[in-house]
Amino acid sequence: MAEQKAFVTGHPIAHSRSPKIHGHWLARYGIDGSYRAIDVAPDDFAAFLNGLRDNGFQGGNVTIPHKEAAFALVERRDEAAEAIGAVNTLWFEDGKLWGGNTDAHGFAANLDDYAPG
């Protein structure tokens, strides 16, 4: 199997710990893959998305300031993204670029785990 390529994009993004975290788990489980932080200026975001497949990416994560732009630019969206109006996760499925949102689930799960009562 070819290397699995994923990313996190934002502007700025150099502070992100995601590549180190994902890199650890890729190595831990022997997955031939990479996870990169890619700084993309807002004016370049549409072109970045259009080049994902040609650059060999299977998907990735989106952070500020691109979440609303990603929502507008993807070909398909999951229910959470539709409800929130923003995308933080991208993947290819059936030849289409999909966008999803995991923010609400993560926030709610954190409340379940740590809220008093």
Protein backbone atom coordinates (compact mmCIF):
# COMPACT_ATOMS: atom_id res chain seq x y z
CA MET A 1 0.00 0.00 0.00
CA ALA A 2 1.25 3.49 -0.83
CA GLU A 3 2.02 6.02 1.86
CA GLN A 4 -1.10 7.49 3.44
CA LYS A 5 -0.84 11.28 3.44
CA ALA A 6 -2.87 13.60 5.67
CA PHE A 7 -2.57 17.17 6.91
CA VAL A 8 -3.80 19.94 9.13
CA THR A 9 -4.21 23.34 7.53
CA GLY A 10 -4.78 26.78 8.94
CA HIS A 11 -3.18 30.22 8.94
CA PRO A 12 -0.98 30.33 10.90
CA ILE A 13 -0.38 26.65 11.64
CA ALA A 14 3.27 26.32 12.75
CA HIS A 15 2.15 26.09 16.41
CA SER A 16 0.07 22.94 15.79
CA ARG A 17 1.03 19.83 17.73
CA SER A 18 -1.08 17.63 15.45
CA PRO A 19 1.80 16.41 13.23
CA LYS A 20 3.75 15.22 16.28
CA ILE A 21 0.70 13.51 17.80
CA HIS A 22 -0.39 11.83 14.56
CA GLY A 23 3.21 10.97 13.69
CA HIS A 24 3.55 9.14 17.00
CA TRP A 25 0.51 6.97 16.32
CA LEU A 26 1.49 6.30 12.71
CA ALA A 27 4.88 5.02 13.93
CA ARG A 28 3.37 3.16 16.89
CA TYR A 29 1.08 1.13 14.65
CA GLY A 30 3.52 0.76 11.76
CA ILE A 31 1.39 2.73 9.30
CA ASP A 32 3.24 3.99 6.24
CA GLY A 33 1.98 7.53 6.42
CA SER A 34 2.63 11.16 7.09
CA TYR A 35 0.71 14.01 8.68
CA ARG A 36 1.88 17.51 7.84
CA ALA A 37 1.02 21.02 8.97
CA ILE A 38 0.42 23.17 5.89
CA ASP A 39 0.06 26.93 6.23
CA VAL A 40 -2.39 28.19 3.62
CA ALA A 41 -3.35 31.85 3.33
CA PRO A 42 -7.10 32.46 2.99
CA ASP A 43 -6.76 33.66 -0.61
CA ASP A 44 -5.04 30.38 -1.53
CA PHE A 45 -7.41 27.99 0.25
CA ALA A 46 -9.65 27.07 -2.71
CA ALA A 47 -6.61 26.23 -4.84
CA PHE A 48 -5.18 24.18 -1.97
CA LEU A 49 -8.36 22.09 -1.76
CA ASN A 50 -8.45 21.63 -5.52
CA GLY A 51 -4.91 20.22 -5.43
CA LEU A 52 -5.37 17.73 -2.58
CA ARG A 53 -5.99 14.65 -4.70
CA ASP A 54 -3.24 15.50 -7.21
CA ASN A 55 -0.79 15.87 -4.31
CA GLY A 56 -1.67 12.42 -2.96
CA PHE A 57 -3.58 13.40 0.18
CA GLN A 58 -6.31 11.10 1.48
CA GLY A 59 -7.73 13.77 3.78
CA GLY A 60 -6.97 16.05 6.65
CA ASN A 61 -8.04 18.54 9.23
CA VAL A 62 -9.02 22.18 8.89
CA THR A 63 -8.65 24.87 11.53
CA ILE A 64 -9.04 28.63 11.68
CA PRO A 65 -9.52 30.62 9.55
CA HIS A 66 -10.64 28.03 6.96
CA LYS A 67 -13.55 26.12 8.54
CA GLU A 68 -16.34 28.17 6.94
CA ALA A 69 -14.56 28.33 3.58
CA ALA A 70 -14.14 24.54 3.64
CA PHE A 71 -17.88 24.22 4.30
CA ALA A 72 -18.60 26.25 1.16
CA LEU A 73 -16.04 24.47 -1.04
CA VAL A 74 -16.50 20.74 -0.35
CA GLU A 75 -18.70 18.62 -2.62
CA ARG A 76 -20.52 16.79 0.19
CA ARG A 77 -21.04 17.41 3.93
CA ASP A 78 -22.00 15.26 6.88
CA GLU A 79 -24.96 16.13 9.12
CA ALA A 80 -22.82 17.75 11.80
CA ALA A 81 -21.15 20.08 9.29
CA GLU A 82 -24.55 21.01 7.86
CA ALA A 83 -25.89 21.80 11.33
CA ILE A 84 -22.83 23.83 12.39
CA GLY A 85 -22.00 25.52 9.08
CA ALA A 86 -18.31 24.69 9.30
CA VAL A 87 -15.96 21.84 8.34
CA ASN A 88 -12.93 20.63 10.30
CA THR A 89 -12.36 17.22 8.67
CA LEU A 90 -11.88 16.42 4.97
CA TRP A 91 -11.79 13.07 3.16
CA PHE A 92 -12.39 11.57 -0.27
CA GLU A 93 -15.28 9.16 -0.70
CA ASP A 94 -16.77 7.91 -3.98
CA GLY A 95 -14.58 10.38 -5.86
CA LYS A 96 -15.95 13.39 -3.97
CA LEU A 97 -14.36 15.69 -1.39
CA TRP A 98 -16.38 15.37 1.80
CA GLY A 99 -16.37 17.68 4.79
CA GLY A 100 -17.37 16.83 8.32
CA ASN A 101 -17.34 18.44 11.71
CA THR A 102 -16.18 16.71 14.87
CA ASP A 103 -16.03 19.82 17.06
CA ALA A 104 -19.50 19.46 18.57
CA HIS A 105 -19.04 15.77 19.37
CA GLY A 106 -15.68 16.46 21.02
CA PHE A 107 -17.09 19.36 23.02
CA ALA A 108 -20.11 17.35 24.18
CA ALA A 109 -17.97 14.33 25.09
CA ASN A 110 -15.70 16.57 27.16
CA LEU A 111 -18.74 17.95 29.01
CA ASP A 112 -19.98 14.42 29.66
CA ASP A 113 -16.60 13.46 31.09
CA TYR A 114 -15.87 16.53 33.19
CA ALA A 115 -19.05 18.48 33.94
CA PRO A 116 -20.15 18.36 37.57
CA GLY A 117 -23.30 16.43 38.40
